[in-house]
Amino acid sequence: MAKLLGVTNDEATWEIVAQWGGNVSIPSLKKLYERHLSRCNELEDPADDDDEEEEEEELRHTREYCLRAFLLFLVGVTIFANKSNKHISLI
């Protein structure tokens, strides 16, 4: 989760403990997607041109995290859906 979805190690550990293993709850994934999407919108607004290369790199990573979160949700609730509809397996 930390490497591919852009969460901190503490957030990933909390989610693993809360979901009893390699799962992420659907509301947590939605919040993560919204957080990355809002961060993309912030980075796309040119406020300061001093660190343009660093901002472009951060924007690229944030877009990747946002897309991964969306695709994980999409695949998790359609193809690999479980009966509980409460969590998505990360495996």
N, C-alpha and C. Protein backbone atom coordinates (compact mmCIF):
# COMPACT_ATOMS: atom_id res chain seq x y z
N MET A 1 0.82 -1.20 0.00
CA MET A 1 0.00 0.00 0.00
C MET A 1 0.86 1.25 0.00
N ALA A 2 1.92 1.23 0.77
CA ALA A 2 2.75 2.43 0.86
C ALA A 2 3.43 2.72 -0.48
N LYS A 3 3.90 1.69 -1.13
CA LYS A 3 4.64 1.89 -2.38
C LYS A 3 3.71 2.16 -3.56
N LEU A 4 2.62 1.43 -3.67
CA LEU A 4 1.78 1.51 -4.86
C LEU A 4 0.60 2.46 -4.75
N LEU A 5 0.15 2.74 -3.52
CA LEU A 5 -1.00 3.63 -3.36
C LEU A 5 -0.65 4.96 -2.70
N GLY A 6 0.60 5.14 -2.33
CA GLY A 6 1.03 6.43 -1.81
C GLY A 6 0.53 6.77 -0.42
N VAL A 7 0.40 5.78 0.44
CA VAL A 7 0.02 6.05 1.83
C VAL A 7 1.26 5.94 2.70
N THR A 8 1.19 6.48 3.90
CA THR A 8 2.30 6.35 4.82
C THR A 8 2.33 4.94 5.40
N ASN A 9 3.44 4.56 5.96
CA ASN A 9 3.54 3.24 6.59
C ASN A 9 2.57 3.10 7.75
N ASP A 10 2.35 4.18 8.49
CA ASP A 10 1.40 4.14 9.60
C ASP A 10 -0.02 3.91 9.11
N GLU A 11 -0.40 4.58 8.02
CA GLU A 11 -1.74 4.38 7.46
C GLU A 11 -1.92 2.95 6.96
N ALA A 12 -0.89 2.42 6.30
CA ALA A 12 -0.96 1.06 5.79
C ALA A 12 -1.06 0.05 6.93
N THR A 13 -0.26 0.25 7.99
CA THR A 13 -0.31 -0.64 9.14
C THR A 13 -1.67 -0.60 9.80
N TRP A 14 -2.22 0.60 9.96
CA TRP A 14 -3.54 0.72 10.58
C TRP A 14 -4.60 -0.01 9.76
N GLU A 15 -4.54 0.14 8.45
CA GLU A 15 -5.54 -0.50 7.58
C GLU A 15 -5.41 -2.02 7.63
N ILE A 16 -4.20 -2.53 7.68
CA ILE A 16 -3.99 -3.98 7.76
C ILE A 16 -4.52 -4.53 9.07
N VAL A 17 -4.28 -3.82 10.16
CA VAL A 17 -4.78 -4.25 11.47
C VAL A 17 -6.31 -4.16 11.50
N ALA A 18 -6.87 -3.07 10.99
CA ALA A 18 -8.31 -2.86 11.03
C ALA A 18 -9.06 -3.86 10.14
N GLN A 19 -8.45 -4.27 9.04
CA GLN A 19 -9.13 -5.17 8.11
C GLN A 19 -8.66 -6.63 8.24
N TRP A 20 -7.88 -6.93 9.25
CA TRP A 20 -7.39 -8.29 9.52
C TRP A 20 -6.64 -8.90 8.35
N GLY A 21 -5.71 -8.17 7.80
CA GLY A 21 -4.89 -8.74 6.74
C GLY A 21 -4.75 -7.83 5.54
N GLY A 22 -4.51 -8.43 4.40
CA GLY A 22 -4.23 -7.70 3.17
C GLY A 22 -5.47 -7.19 2.47
N ASN A 23 -6.26 -6.41 3.16
CA ASN A 23 -7.48 -5.84 2.60
C ASN A 23 -7.50 -4.35 2.86
N VAL A 24 -8.28 -3.66 2.07
CA VAL A 24 -8.52 -2.24 2.30
C VAL A 24 -10.04 -2.05 2.26
N SER A 25 -10.55 -1.25 3.19
CA SER A 25 -11.99 -1.01 3.21
C SER A 25 -12.37 -0.09 2.05
N ILE A 26 -13.57 -0.25 1.56
CA ILE A 26 -14.03 0.57 0.44
C ILE A 26 -14.08 2.05 0.81
N PRO A 27 -14.58 2.44 1.99
CA PRO A 27 -14.54 3.87 2.34
C PRO A 27 -13.11 4.43 2.44
N SER A 28 -12.18 3.64 2.95
CA SER A 28 -10.79 4.10 3.04
C SER A 28 -10.20 4.30 1.66
N LEU A 29 -10.50 3.40 0.73
CA LEU A 29 -10.00 3.53 -0.63
C LEU A 29 -10.60 4.74 -1.32
N LYS A 30 -11.87 5.01 -1.05
CA LYS A 30 -12.52 6.18 -1.62
C LYS A 30 -11.88 7.47 -1.10
N LYS A 31 -11.62 7.52 0.21
CA LYS A 31 -10.96 8.70 0.79
C LYS A 31 -9.57 8.89 0.22
N LEU A 32 -8.85 7.79 0.03
CA LEU A 32 -7.51 7.85 -0.54
C LEU A 32 -7.56 8.40 -1.96
N TYR A 33 -8.50 7.91 -2.76
CA TYR A 33 -8.66 8.40 -4.12
C TYR A 33 -8.97 9.89 -4.13
N GLU A 34 -9.89 10.32 -3.28
CA GLU A 34 -10.26 11.73 -3.22
C GLU A 34 -9.09 12.60 -2.77
N ARG A 35 -8.29 12.08 -1.84
CA ARG A 35 -7.12 12.83 -1.37
C ARG A 35 -6.11 13.03 -2.50
N HIS A 36 -5.84 11.97 -3.25
CA HIS A 36 -4.90 12.08 -4.37
C HIS A 36 -5.46 12.98 -5.48
N LEU A 37 -6.75 12.89 -5.73
CA LEU A 37 -7.37 13.71 -6.77
C LEU A 37 -7.30 15.19 -6.40
N SER A 38 -7.56 15.52 -5.16
CA SER A 38 -7.48 16.93 -4.75
C SER A 38 -6.03 17.41 -4.78
N ARG A 39 -5.10 16.53 -4.45
CA ARG A 39 -3.67 16.91 -4.51
C ARG A 39 -3.25 17.16 -5.96
N CYS A 40 -3.76 16.36 -6.89
CA CYS A 40 -3.48 16.59 -8.32
C CYS A 40 -3.98 17.96 -8.75
N ASN A 41 -5.19 18.30 -8.32
CA ASN A 41 -5.75 19.60 -8.68
C ASN A 41 -4.93 20.75 -8.10
N GLU A 42 -4.41 20.56 -6.89
CA GLU A 42 -3.56 21.60 -6.29
C GLU A 42 -2.27 21.76 -7.06
N LEU A 43 -1.67 20.64 -7.47
CA LEU A 43 -0.39 20.69 -8.16
C LEU A 43 -0.51 21.20 -9.59
N GLU A 44 -1.67 21.05 -10.20
CA GLU A 44 -1.85 21.51 -11.57
C GLU A 44 -1.97 23.02 -11.65
N ASP A 45 -2.36 23.67 -10.56
CA ASP A 45 -2.45 25.13 -10.55
C ASP A 45 -1.06 25.70 -10.38
N PRO A 46 -0.55 26.40 -11.38
CA PRO A 46 0.80 26.95 -11.27
C PRO A 46 0.87 28.13 -10.31
N ALA A 47 1.42 27.89 -9.13
CA ALA A 47 1.53 28.96 -8.13
C ALA A 47 2.95 29.51 -8.09
N ASP A 48 3.92 28.61 -8.21
CA ASP A 48 5.32 29.02 -8.10
C ASP A 48 6.13 28.22 -9.10
N ASP A 49 6.94 28.91 -9.90
CA ASP A 49 7.72 28.23 -10.94
C ASP A 49 9.13 27.86 -10.50
N ASP A 50 9.48 28.09 -9.23
CA ASP A 50 10.84 27.81 -8.77
C ASP A 50 11.15 26.32 -8.77
N ASP A 51 10.25 25.50 -8.29
CA ASP A 51 10.48 24.07 -8.17
C ASP A 51 9.63 23.31 -9.19
N GLU A 52 9.68 23.74 -10.43
CA GLU A 52 8.80 23.18 -11.44
C GLU A 52 9.08 21.70 -11.70
N GLU A 53 10.35 21.31 -11.72
CA GLU A 53 10.68 19.90 -11.97
C GLU A 53 10.22 19.01 -10.83
N GLU A 54 10.40 19.45 -9.60
CA GLU A 54 9.96 18.67 -8.44
C GLU A 54 8.44 18.55 -8.41
N GLU A 55 7.75 19.63 -8.75
CA GLU A 55 6.29 19.60 -8.78
C GLU A 55 5.77 18.69 -9.88
N GLU A 56 6.45 18.69 -11.03
CA GLU A 56 6.05 17.79 -12.13
C GLU A 56 6.22 16.33 -11.71
N GLU A 57 7.30 16.04 -11.03
CA GLU A 57 7.54 14.67 -10.55
C GLU A 57 6.50 14.26 -9.51
N GLU A 58 6.20 15.17 -8.59
CA GLU A 58 5.18 14.88 -7.57
C GLU A 58 3.80 14.72 -8.21
N LEU A 59 3.50 15.55 -9.20
CA LEU A 59 2.22 15.45 -9.91
C LEU A 59 2.11 14.11 -10.63
N ARG A 60 3.20 13.66 -11.24
CA ARG A 60 3.19 12.37 -11.94
C ARG A 60 2.92 11.24 -10.96
N HIS A 61 3.61 11.24 -9.83
CA HIS A 61 3.41 10.20 -8.82
C HIS A 61 1.99 10.25 -8.25
N THR A 62 1.50 11.43 -7.99
CA THR A 62 0.16 11.57 -7.43
C THR A 62 -0.89 11.09 -8.41
N ARG A 63 -0.71 11.38 -9.69
CA ARG A 63 -1.64 10.87 -10.71
C ARG A 63 -1.62 9.34 -10.75
N GLU A 64 -0.42 8.76 -10.65
CA GLU A 64 -0.31 7.29 -10.65
C GLU A 64 -1.04 6.70 -9.44
N TYR A 65 -0.85 7.28 -8.27
CA TYR A 65 -1.53 6.79 -7.06
C TYR A 65 -3.05 6.90 -7.21
N CYS A 66 -3.50 8.03 -7.75
CA CYS A 66 -4.93 8.27 -7.94
C CYS A 66 -5.50 7.23 -8.91
N LEU A 67 -4.82 6.98 -9.99
CA LEU A 67 -5.28 6.01 -10.98
C LEU A 67 -5.28 4.60 -10.41
N ARG A 68 -4.24 4.25 -9.66
CA ARG A 68 -4.18 2.92 -9.05
C ARG A 68 -5.32 2.72 -8.06
N ALA A 69 -5.62 3.73 -7.26
CA ALA A 69 -6.72 3.63 -6.30
C ALA A 69 -8.04 3.44 -7.02
N PHE A 70 -8.26 4.19 -8.09
CA PHE A 70 -9.49 4.06 -8.85
C PHE A 70 -9.60 2.68 -9.49
N LEU A 71 -8.53 2.21 -10.11
CA LEU A 71 -8.58 0.90 -10.76
C LEU A 71 -8.73 -0.23 -9.75
N LEU A 72 -8.10 -0.10 -8.59
CA LEU A 72 -8.27 -1.11 -7.55
C LEU A 72 -9.73 -1.16 -7.10
N PHE A 73 -10.35 -0.01 -6.94
CA PHE A 73 -11.76 0.03 -6.58
C PHE A 73 -12.61 -0.61 -7.68
N LEU A 74 -12.36 -0.22 -8.92
CA LEU A 74 -13.16 -0.72 -10.04
C LEU A 74 -13.06 -2.23 -10.17
N VAL A 75 -11.86 -2.76 -10.14
CA VAL A 75 -11.67 -4.20 -10.26
C VAL A 75 -12.16 -4.92 -9.01
N GLY A 76 -11.96 -4.31 -7.85
CA GLY A 76 -12.35 -4.93 -6.59
C GLY A 76 -13.84 -5.08 -6.39
N VAL A 77 -14.62 -4.17 -6.95
CA VAL A 77 -16.07 -4.26 -6.77
C VAL A 77 -16.78 -4.90 -7.95
N THR A 78 -16.07 -5.15 -9.04
CA THR A 78 -16.71 -5.78 -10.20
C THR A 78 -16.22 -7.20 -10.41
N ILE A 79 -14.97 -7.36 -10.72
CA ILE A 79 -14.45 -8.68 -11.07
C ILE A 79 -14.19 -9.54 -9.83
N PHE A 80 -13.55 -8.97 -8.83
CA PHE A 80 -13.18 -9.73 -7.64
C PHE A 80 -14.02 -9.34 -6.43
N ALA A 81 -15.28 -9.11 -6.64
CA ALA A 81 -16.16 -8.70 -5.54
C ALA A 81 -16.36 -9.86 -4.56
N ASN A 82 -16.49 -9.51 -3.28
CA ASN A 82 -16.80 -10.52 -2.27
C ASN A 82 -18.22 -10.27 -1.77
N LYS A 83 -18.72 -11.18 -0.99
CA LYS A 83 -20.12 -11.09 -0.55
C LYS A 83 -20.35 -10.00 0.49
N SER A 84 -19.31 -9.60 1.19
CA SER A 84 -19.50 -8.61 2.25
C SER A 84 -19.62 -7.19 1.70
N ASN A 85 -18.99 -6.91 0.57
CA ASN A 85 -18.97 -5.56 -0.03
C ASN A 85 -18.44 -4.51 0.96
N LYS A 86 -17.55 -4.92 1.85
CA LYS A 86 -16.98 -4.00 2.82
C LYS A 86 -15.51 -3.74 2.59
N HIS A 87 -14.83 -4.67 1.92
CA HIS A 87 -13.40 -4.50 1.71
C HIS A 87 -12.99 -5.10 0.38
N ILE A 88 -11.78 -4.71 -0.04
CA ILE A 88 -11.19 -5.19 -1.29
C ILE A 88 -9.86 -5.81 -0.93
N SER A 89 -9.62 -7.00 -1.46
CA SER A 89 -8.36 -7.68 -1.20
C SER A 89 -7.24 -7.00 -2.00
N LEU A 90 -6.12 -6.77 -1.33
CA LEU A 90 -4.97 -6.16 -2.00
C LEU A 90 -4.15 -7.19 -2.76
N ILE A 91 -4.38 -8.44 -2.47
CA ILE A 91 -3.61 -9.49 -3.14
C ILE A 91 -4.13 -9.70 -4.53
